[in-house]
Each structure stands twice: as structure tokens, then as C-alpha cells.
């Protein structure tokens, strides 16, 4: 009798989706609390605008480097580091005495969260069967929007009883818990996880012509990057996101 495939791939996807939701909870809470922070710290509208936009400076600049870091270190290390970093940034917002520390915390948040989507998609590439990868990416994107929804409603409810500083202290905790759980329980690839049985591994790898391999040196990696940079499809996708 053939063993039924285990379901570690779905547990992995659920944890990736939870990370996306928590990341968007932290980032979108800033927008809800902006007016309260501005009044409490006596910021001008101009300063508040810089504070709000500083996240996107580093978020845009670190998309590619964070993807490279994920490829090099593995998604287990990368996503753990990203979650810890955005939690520290969230805590930094709660402790900010003024404008400049708010800017620094938001920039750190941008650096940390820039890697969530590239690293998660990298993990999906290893863990999900080819026929389910688009569905998995859709679930991941849905998790982001769930986080944004909770940020809007929950932050508004908590601001009055807790105050904005305590809201961000509370929001810094789930990312740390997630990072610890993910690092302990999950692995970069299904073949490295002892919970994955042969049936599930065969299901995940079905239809792949070659095994996904680690980059073969800097020269090969550079040529791959140049090929991507010259791809019209890649630029069309970038334009669609703009």
C-alpha cells in the first residue's frame, strides 16, 4: 500500500502566509496611528510626510539585495532575520522620542520587509508542486491584505485604550514568536525536512526537468542576472507594478 503524502508543504505555506500578514500589520499600522504620533511628538505635516515615506526608500532599494541574500543564506535564515529585524523596527517606533528615530525605524522596517515576498516566493518554488505555485503565491498575497485589514481595524481599536507606543510594543511581539517557530520547525527544502515522506517529496518534485540547484559561482550568477535584466517580460511585469 502506497503511503499518503504528508502535508508539510501546506504547513510551510501557512507559516509564510502568516509572516506576510504580520509584516503588513506592522507596516500599515503606522498609517493608522500617524495623526496620533504627529500630535504627540509635535511633528509638522512636512516631517510626518517624510516619516511616512521613509519606509519606501529602503523598501524599494533592498528588494533585489534581499532576494540575493535569501538565495545565498537560504529562506530559513533569511526569513527569520527579516522577521526579527522588522520586529525591532516596530519596537523602535514605539520608543522614538522624535523625528529622526522615527525615520531610522521606518527605514529599518523597509529593509526588513523588502525581503519577505522574494524569500517567500523562493521558498514556494522549493516546497510547492509546479501546478500549485501560482495558487500558493495568490494565498501569500491574500495574507498580506489580511494583515492590512487587521492593521486598519485593530490599530484603531487599540489606540485609545493603549496609546500608540503600547500598540507598537504589542505588534513587535508576534514577529519574534514567528521567527523562533519558523527557524526551529522548518527547513529550506523538503528533502531536508524529516517530516516529509517519500510520497510528498515525489509530489513536490513531479514535473521538474532538473533539480533546483544552488548558484554555481559569481560568474554564473551575474550572467543569470544580466539575462533577467534584458528580458522584455521582466520589464513589462515591472511596469505593471509601477
C-alpha atoms as a PDB file:
ATOM      1  CA  UNK A   1       0.000   0.000   0.000  1.00  0.00           C
ATOM      2  CA  UNK A   2       1.389   3.404  -1.006  1.00  0.00           C
ATOM      3  CA  UNK A   3       1.801   5.926   1.790  1.00  0.00           C
ATOM      4  CA  UNK A   4      -0.310   9.051   1.563  1.00  0.00           C
ATOM      5  CA  UNK A   5       1.745  12.217   1.070  1.00  0.00           C
ATOM      6  CA  UNK A   6       2.416  14.167   4.230  1.00  0.00           C
ATOM      7  CA  UNK A   7       1.280  17.798   4.300  1.00  0.00           C
ATOM      8  CA  UNK A   8       4.395  19.653   5.398  1.00  0.00           C
ATOM      9  CA  UNK A   9       4.237  21.767   2.228  1.00  0.00           C
ATOM     10  CA  UNK A  10       0.904  23.211   3.334  1.00  0.00           C
ATOM     11  CA  UNK A  11       2.199  23.919   6.825  1.00  0.00           C
ATOM     12  CA  UNK A  12       5.153  25.717   5.271  1.00  0.00           C
ATOM     13  CA  UNK A  13       2.825  27.792   3.101  1.00  0.00           C
ATOM     14  CA  UNK A  14       0.651  28.646   6.103  1.00  0.00           C
ATOM     15  CA  UNK A  15       3.674  29.945   8.013  1.00  0.00           C
ATOM     16  CA  UNK A  16       4.819  32.000   5.026  1.00  0.00           C
ATOM     17  CA  UNK A  17       1.319  33.466   4.740  1.00  0.00           C
ATOM     18  CA  UNK A  18       1.308  34.276   8.459  1.00  0.00           C
ATOM     19  CA  UNK A  19       4.627  36.108   8.040  1.00  0.00           C
ATOM     20  CA  UNK A  20       3.165  38.166   5.201  1.00  0.00           C
ATOM     21  CA  UNK A  21       0.117  39.055   7.307  1.00  0.00           C
ATOM     22  CA  UNK A  22       2.240  40.075  10.300  1.00  0.00           C
ATOM     23  CA  UNK A  23       4.538  42.165   8.115  1.00  0.00           C
ATOM     24  CA  UNK A  24       1.620  44.080   6.634  1.00  0.00           C
ATOM     25  CA  UNK A  25       0.070  44.509  10.068  1.00  0.00           C
ATOM     26  CA  UNK A  26       3.212  46.288  11.282  1.00  0.00           C
ATOM     27  CA  UNK A  27       3.724  48.447   8.207  1.00  0.00           C
ATOM     28  CA  UNK A  28       0.105  49.564   7.808  1.00  0.00           C
ATOM     29  CA  UNK A  29      -0.377  50.327  11.493  1.00  0.00           C
ATOM     30  CA  UNK A  30       1.876  53.350  11.024  1.00  0.00           C
ATOM     31  CA  UNK A  31      -0.621  54.951   8.659  1.00  0.00           C
ATOM     32  CA  UNK A  32      -3.493  54.475  11.102  1.00  0.00           C
ATOM     33  CA  UNK A  33      -1.507  55.912  14.017  1.00  0.00           C
ATOM     34  CA  UNK A  34       0.128  58.736  12.023  1.00  0.00           C
ATOM     35  CA  UNK A  35      -2.035  61.603  13.257  1.00  0.00           C
ATOM     36  CA  UNK A  36      -1.714  60.474  16.881  1.00  0.00           C
ATOM     37  CA  UNK A  37       2.077  60.165  16.580  1.00  0.00           C
ATOM     38  CA  UNK A  38       2.297  63.555  14.853  1.00  0.00           C
ATOM     39  CA  UNK A  39       0.331  65.299  17.594  1.00  0.00           C
ATOM     40  CA  UNK A  40       2.157  63.557  20.453  1.00  0.00           C
ATOM     41  CA  UNK A  41       5.651  64.284  19.095  1.00  0.00           C
ATOM     42  CA  UNK A  42       4.724  67.736  17.762  1.00  0.00           C
ATOM     43  CA  UNK A  43       5.724  66.931  14.194  1.00  0.00           C
ATOM     44  CA  UNK A  44       4.903  69.189  11.282  1.00  0.00           C
ATOM     45  CA  UNK A  45       2.942  67.837   8.334  1.00  0.00           C
ATOM     46  CA  UNK A  46       6.140  68.009   6.300  1.00  0.00           C
ATOM     47  CA  UNK A  47       8.024  65.909   8.867  1.00  0.00           C
ATOM     48  CA  UNK A  48       5.167  63.442   9.036  1.00  0.00           C
ATOM     49  CA  UNK A  49       5.278  63.093   5.268  1.00  0.00           C
ATOM     50  CA  UNK A  50       8.990  62.274   5.366  1.00  0.00           C
ATOM     51  CA  UNK A  51       8.389  59.823   8.201  1.00  0.00           C
ATOM     52  CA  UNK A  52       5.655  58.027   6.275  1.00  0.00           C
ATOM     53  CA  UNK A  53       7.633  57.848   3.029  1.00  0.00           C
ATOM     54  CA  UNK A  54      10.956  56.750   4.543  1.00  0.00           C
ATOM     55  CA  UNK A  55       9.773  53.134   4.662  1.00  0.00           C
ATOM     56  CA  UNK A  56       9.562  53.042   0.874  1.00  0.00           C
ATOM     57  CA  UNK A  57      13.071  54.453   0.327  1.00  0.00           C
ATOM     58  CA  UNK A  58      14.704  51.336   1.716  1.00  0.00           C
ATOM     59  CA  UNK A  59      11.862  49.004   0.750  1.00  0.00           C
ATOM     60  CA  UNK A  60      12.450  49.740  -2.929  1.00  0.00           C
ATOM     61  CA  UNK A  61      16.253  49.785  -2.724  1.00  0.00           C
ATOM     62  CA  UNK A  62      16.548  46.460  -0.894  1.00  0.00           C
ATOM     63  CA  UNK A  63      14.180  44.287  -2.935  1.00  0.00           C
ATOM     64  CA  UNK A  64      16.953  42.867  -5.116  1.00  0.00           C
ATOM     65  CA  UNK A  65      19.662  42.633  -2.404  1.00  0.00           C
ATOM     66  CA  UNK A  66      17.258  40.863  -0.062  1.00  0.00           C
ATOM     67  CA  UNK A  67      16.384  38.358  -2.771  1.00  0.00           C
ATOM     68  CA  UNK A  68      20.099  37.729  -3.290  1.00  0.00           C
ATOM     69  CA  UNK A  69      20.556  37.294   0.471  1.00  0.00           C
ATOM     70  CA  UNK A  70      17.727  34.764   0.552  1.00  0.00           C
ATOM     71  CA  UNK A  71      19.326  32.760  -2.262  1.00  0.00           C
ATOM     72  CA  UNK A  72      22.696  32.800  -0.518  1.00  0.00           C
ATOM     73  CA  UNK A  73      21.669  32.123   3.070  1.00  0.00           C
ATOM     74  CA  UNK A  74      18.556  30.043   2.474  1.00  0.00           C
ATOM     75  CA  UNK A  75      14.999  31.067   3.228  1.00  0.00           C
ATOM     76  CA  UNK A  76      15.071  29.673   6.761  1.00  0.00           C
ATOM     77  CA  UNK A  77      17.832  32.053   7.861  1.00  0.00           C
ATOM     78  CA  UNK A  78      16.671  34.944   5.679  1.00  0.00           C
ATOM     79  CA  UNK A  79      13.023  34.985   6.753  1.00  0.00           C
ATOM     80  CA  UNK A  80      13.984  34.546  10.398  1.00  0.00           C
ATOM     81  CA  UNK A  81      16.346  37.524  10.141  1.00  0.00           C
ATOM     82  CA  UNK A  82      13.745  39.634   8.325  1.00  0.00           C
ATOM     83  CA  UNK A  83      11.065  38.929  10.949  1.00  0.00           C
ATOM     84  CA  UNK A  84      13.394  39.770  13.837  1.00  0.00           C
ATOM     85  CA  UNK A  85      14.514  42.966  12.093  1.00  0.00           C
ATOM     86  CA  UNK A  86      11.001  44.243  11.381  1.00  0.00           C
ATOM     87  CA  UNK A  87      10.012  43.451  14.982  1.00  0.00           C
ATOM     88  CA  UNK A  88      12.965  45.505  16.244  1.00  0.00           C
ATOM     89  CA  UNK A  89      11.936  48.311  13.894  1.00  0.00           C
ATOM     90  CA  UNK A  90       8.367  48.171  15.229  1.00  0.00           C
ATOM     91  CA  UNK A  91       9.726  48.390  18.762  1.00  0.00           C
ATOM     92  CA  UNK A  92      11.906  51.297  17.631  1.00  0.00           C
ATOM     93  CA  UNK A  93       8.826  53.220  16.519  1.00  0.00           C
ATOM     94  CA  UNK A  94       7.291  52.698  19.958  1.00  0.00           C
ATOM     95  CA  UNK A  95      10.404  54.112  21.654  1.00  0.00           C
ATOM     96  CA  UNK A  96      11.014  57.032  19.290  1.00  0.00           C
ATOM     97  CA  UNK A  97      11.392  60.359  21.132  1.00  0.00           C
ATOM     98  CA  UNK A  98      11.236  62.369  17.937  1.00  0.00           C
ATOM     99  CA  UNK A  99      11.513  62.713  14.200  1.00  0.00           C
ATOM    100  CA  UNK A 100      14.900  61.174  13.429  1.00  0.00           C
ATOM    101  CA  UNK A 101      14.437  57.921  15.314  1.00  0.00           C
ATOM    102  CA  UNK A 102      11.076  57.511  13.614  1.00  0.00           C
ATOM    103  CA  UNK A 103      12.851  57.866  10.273  1.00  0.00           C
ATOM    104  CA  UNK A 104      15.514  55.318  11.239  1.00  0.00           C
ATOM    105  CA  UNK A 105      12.910  52.835  12.485  1.00  0.00           C
ATOM    106  CA  UNK A 106      10.866  53.170   9.309  1.00  0.00           C
ATOM    107  CA  UNK A 107      13.964  52.708   7.149  1.00  0.00           C
ATOM    108  CA  UNK A 108      14.871  49.543   9.064  1.00  0.00           C
ATOM    109  CA  UNK A 109      11.293  48.356   8.607  1.00  0.00           C
ATOM    110  CA  UNK A 110      11.661  48.895   4.855  1.00  0.00           C
ATOM    111  CA  UNK A 111      14.930  46.951   4.709  1.00  0.00           C
ATOM    112  CA  UNK A 112      13.482  44.042   6.681  1.00  0.00           C
ATOM    113  CA  UNK A 113      10.191  43.800   4.826  1.00  0.00           C
ATOM    114  CA  UNK A 114      11.716  44.186   1.363  1.00  0.00           C
ATOM    115  CA  UNK A 115      12.781  40.562   1.546  1.00  0.00           C
ATOM    116  CA  UNK A 116       9.504  38.986   2.647  1.00  0.00           C
ATOM    117  CA  UNK A 117       7.999  38.491  -0.804  1.00  0.00           C
ATOM    118  CA  UNK A 118      11.214  37.446  -2.658  1.00  0.00           C
ATOM    119  CA  UNK A 119      12.206  34.989   0.072  1.00  0.00           C
ATOM    120  CA  UNK A 120       8.690  33.584   0.390  1.00  0.00           C
ATOM    121  CA  UNK A 121       8.430  33.058  -3.370  1.00  0.00           C
ATOM    122  CA  UNK A 122      11.822  31.363  -3.275  1.00  0.00           C
ATOM    123  CA  UNK A 123      10.523  29.029  -0.579  1.00  0.00           C
ATOM    124  CA  UNK A 124       7.339  28.350  -2.545  1.00  0.00           C
ATOM    125  CA  UNK A 125       9.495  27.380  -5.516  1.00  0.00           C
ATOM    126  CA  UNK A 126      11.134  24.659  -3.445  1.00  0.00           C
ATOM    127  CA  UNK A 127       8.117  23.485  -1.462  1.00  0.00           C
ATOM    128  CA  UNK A 128       5.113  23.549  -3.780  1.00  0.00           C
ATOM    129  CA  UNK A 129       4.396  21.347  -6.805  1.00  0.00           C
ATOM    130  CA  UNK A 130       4.702  23.236 -10.090  1.00  0.00           C
ATOM    131  CA  UNK A 131       0.950  23.097 -10.699  1.00  0.00           C
ATOM    132  CA  UNK A 132       0.236  24.796  -7.345  1.00  0.00           C
ATOM    133  CA  UNK A 133       2.831  27.570  -7.325  1.00  0.00           C
ATOM    134  CA  UNK A 134       0.539  30.274  -8.707  1.00  0.00           C
ATOM    135  CA  UNK A 135      -2.142  29.320  -6.187  1.00  0.00           C
ATOM    136  CA  UNK A 136       0.430  29.435  -3.386  1.00  0.00           C
ATOM    137  CA  UNK A 137       1.601  32.907  -4.439  1.00  0.00           C
ATOM    138  CA  UNK A 138      -2.025  34.028  -4.511  1.00  0.00           C
ATOM    139  CA  UNK A 139      -2.550  32.752  -0.969  1.00  0.00           C
ATOM    140  CA  UNK A 140       0.613  34.575   0.106  1.00  0.00           C
ATOM    141  CA  UNK A 141      -0.658  37.826  -1.427  1.00  0.00           C
ATOM    142  CA  UNK A 142      -4.031  37.337   0.262  1.00  0.00           C
ATOM    143  CA  UNK A 143      -2.228  37.029   3.595  1.00  0.00           C
ATOM    144  CA  UNK A 144      -0.676  40.437   3.013  1.00  0.00           C
ATOM    145  CA  UNK A 145      -4.086  42.004   2.525  1.00  0.00           C
ATOM    146  CA  UNK A 146      -5.449  40.272   5.624  1.00  0.00           C
ATOM    147  CA  UNK A 147      -2.636  41.901   7.593  1.00  0.00           C
ATOM    148  CA  UNK A 148      -3.529  45.285   6.118  1.00  0.00           C
ATOM    149  CA  UNK A 149      -7.194  44.807   7.034  1.00  0.00           C
ATOM    150  CA  UNK A 150      -6.335  43.942  10.625  1.00  0.00           C
ATOM    151  CA  UNK A 151      -3.954  46.896  10.799  1.00  0.00           C
ATOM    152  CA  UNK A 152      -6.762  49.278   9.900  1.00  0.00           C
ATOM    153  CA  UNK A 153      -9.370  47.899  12.277  1.00  0.00           C
ATOM    154  CA  UNK A 154      -7.329  46.589  15.181  1.00  0.00           C
ATOM    155  CA  UNK A 155      -4.969  49.552  15.421  1.00  0.00           C
ATOM    156  CA  UNK A 156      -7.876  51.963  15.542  1.00  0.00           C
ATOM    157  CA  UNK A 157      -9.470  49.958  18.349  1.00  0.00           C
ATOM    158  CA  UNK A 158      -6.254  49.748  20.392  1.00  0.00           C
ATOM    159  CA  UNK A 159      -5.038  53.335  20.046  1.00  0.00           C
ATOM    160  CA  UNK A 160      -7.420  54.854  22.591  1.00  0.00           C
ATOM    161  CA  UNK A 161      -7.098  52.305  25.438  1.00  0.00           C
ATOM    162  CA  UNK A 162      -3.369  51.577  24.976  1.00  0.00           C
ATOM    163  CA  UNK A 163      -1.835  54.620  23.319  1.00  0.00           C
ATOM    164  CA  UNK A 164       0.274  54.433  20.166  1.00  0.00           C
ATOM    165  CA  UNK A 165       3.524  53.431  21.901  1.00  0.00           C
ATOM    166  CA  UNK A 166       1.983  50.355  23.503  1.00  0.00           C
ATOM    167  CA  UNK A 167       0.283  49.412  20.240  1.00  0.00           C
ATOM    168  CA  UNK A 168       3.663  49.128  18.541  1.00  0.00           C
ATOM    169  CA  UNK A 169       5.146  47.275  21.508  1.00  0.00           C
ATOM    170  CA  UNK A 170       2.337  44.726  21.186  1.00  0.00           C
ATOM    171  CA  UNK A 171       2.850  44.497  17.407  1.00  0.00           C
ATOM    172  CA  UNK A 172       6.567  43.782  17.848  1.00  0.00           C
ATOM    173  CA  UNK A 173       5.906  40.503  19.692  1.00  0.00           C
ATOM    174  CA  UNK A 174       4.263  38.269  17.021  1.00  0.00           C
ATOM    175  CA  UNK A 175       7.177  38.644  14.607  1.00  0.00           C
ATOM    176  CA  UNK A 176       9.653  37.404  17.226  1.00  0.00           C
ATOM    177  CA  UNK A 177       7.406  34.442  18.054  1.00  0.00           C
ATOM    178  CA  UNK A 178       7.011  33.660  14.350  1.00  0.00           C
ATOM    179  CA  UNK A 179      10.785  33.834  13.755  1.00  0.00           C
ATOM    180  CA  UNK A 180      11.533  31.416  16.596  1.00  0.00           C
ATOM    181  CA  UNK A 181       8.892  28.943  15.440  1.00  0.00           C
ATOM    182  CA  UNK A 182       9.900  29.095  11.794  1.00  0.00           C
ATOM    183  CA  UNK A 183      13.617  28.651  12.491  1.00  0.00           C
ATOM    184  CA  UNK A 184      13.041  25.661  14.756  1.00  0.00           C
ATOM    185  CA  UNK A 185      10.335  23.840  12.785  1.00  0.00           C
ATOM    186  CA  UNK A 186      11.041  24.472   9.097  1.00  0.00           C
ATOM    187  CA  UNK A 187      13.819  23.882   6.560  1.00  0.00           C
ATOM    188  CA  UNK A 188      14.904  25.432   3.281  1.00  0.00           C
ATOM    189  CA  UNK A 189      13.844  22.479   1.130  1.00  0.00           C
ATOM    190  CA  UNK A 190      11.532  19.487   1.507  1.00  0.00           C
ATOM    191  CA  UNK A 191      14.370  16.973   1.139  1.00  0.00           C
ATOM    192  CA  UNK A 192      15.973  18.494   4.257  1.00  0.00           C
ATOM    193  CA  UNK A 193      12.858  18.049   6.418  1.00  0.00           C
ATOM    194  CA  UNK A 194      12.491  14.662   8.124  1.00  0.00           C
ATOM    195  CA  UNK A 195       8.717  15.153   8.408  1.00  0.00           C
ATOM    196  CA  UNK A 196       8.348  14.952   4.611  1.00  0.00           C
ATOM    197  CA  UNK A 197       7.730  11.390   3.447  1.00  0.00           C
ATOM    198  CA  UNK A 198       8.719   9.943   0.082  1.00  0.00           C
ATOM    199  CA  UNK A 199       5.227  10.370  -1.360  1.00  0.00           C
ATOM    200  CA  UNK A 200       5.113  14.083  -0.588  1.00  0.00           C
ATOM    201  CA  UNK A 201       8.633  14.636  -1.887  1.00  0.00           C
ATOM    202  CA  UNK A 202       7.736  12.888  -5.152  1.00  0.00           C
ATOM    203  CA  UNK A 203       4.588  15.006  -5.449  1.00  0.00           C
ATOM    204  CA  UNK A 204       6.532  18.235  -4.917  1.00  0.00           C
ATOM    205  CA  UNK A 205       9.231  17.317  -7.420  1.00  0.00           C
ATOM    206  CA  UNK A 206       6.908  15.927 -10.111  1.00  0.00           C
ATOM    207  CA  UNK A 207       7.310  17.621 -13.484  1.00  0.00           C
ATOM    208  CA  UNK A 208      10.650  19.233 -12.742  1.00  0.00           C
ATOM    209  CA  UNK A 209      13.125  18.573 -15.516  1.00  0.00           C
ATOM    210  CA  UNK A 210      16.097  19.373 -13.305  1.00  0.00           C
ATOM    211  CA  UNK A 211      16.600  19.775  -9.603  1.00  0.00           C
ATOM    212  CA  UNK A 212      16.772  23.326  -8.357  1.00  0.00           C
ATOM    213  CA  UNK A 213      20.419  23.924  -7.671  1.00  0.00           C
ATOM    214  CA  UNK A 214      22.475  26.382  -5.734  1.00  0.00           C
ATOM    215  CA  UNK A 215      24.128  29.143  -7.811  1.00  0.00           C
ATOM    216  CA  UNK A 216      27.352  27.944  -9.407  1.00  0.00           C
ATOM    217  CA  UNK A 217      29.746  30.762  -8.634  1.00  0.00           C
ATOM    218  CA  UNK A 218      29.606  34.512  -9.070  1.00  0.00           C
ATOM    219  CA  UNK A 219      30.120  34.463 -12.863  1.00  0.00           C
ATOM    220  CA  UNK A 220      27.129  32.201 -13.435  1.00  0.00           C
ATOM    221  CA  UNK A 221      25.019  34.274 -11.088  1.00  0.00           C
ATOM    222  CA  UNK A 222      25.983  37.500 -12.879  1.00  0.00           C
ATOM    223  CA  UNK A 223      25.097  36.075 -16.283  1.00  0.00           C
ATOM    224  CA  UNK A 224      21.691  34.992 -14.950  1.00  0.00           C
ATOM    225  CA  UNK A 225      21.058  38.478 -13.549  1.00  0.00           C
ATOM    226  CA  UNK A 226      22.019  40.078 -16.863  1.00  0.00           C
ATOM    227  CA  UNK A 227      19.672  37.738 -18.719  1.00  0.00           C
ATOM    228  CA  UNK A 228      16.834  38.753 -16.400  1.00  0.00           C
ATOM    229  CA  UNK A 229      17.686  42.450 -16.812  1.00  0.00           C
ATOM    230  CA  UNK A 230      17.480  42.099 -20.614  1.00  0.00           C
ATOM    231  CA  UNK A 231      14.154  40.270 -20.530  1.00  0.00           C
ATOM    232  CA  UNK A 232      11.237  42.298 -22.022  1.00  0.00           C
ATOM    233  CA  UNK A 233       8.801  40.213 -19.975  1.00  0.00           C
ATOM    234  CA  UNK A 234      10.547  41.243 -16.761  1.00  0.00           C
ATOM    235  CA  UNK A 235      10.284  44.950 -17.683  1.00  0.00           C
ATOM    236  CA  UNK A 236       6.615  44.561 -18.594  1.00  0.00           C
ATOM    237  CA  UNK A 237       5.967  42.984 -15.193  1.00  0.00           C
ATOM    238  CA  UNK A 238       7.839  45.848 -13.519  1.00  0.00           C
ATOM    239  CA  UNK A 239       5.720  48.355 -15.424  1.00  0.00           C
ATOM    240  CA  UNK A 240       2.552  46.590 -14.334  1.00  0.00           C
ATOM    241  CA  UNK A 241       3.610  47.014 -10.699  1.00  0.00           C
ATOM    242  CA  UNK A 242       4.530  50.706 -11.055  1.00  0.00           C
END
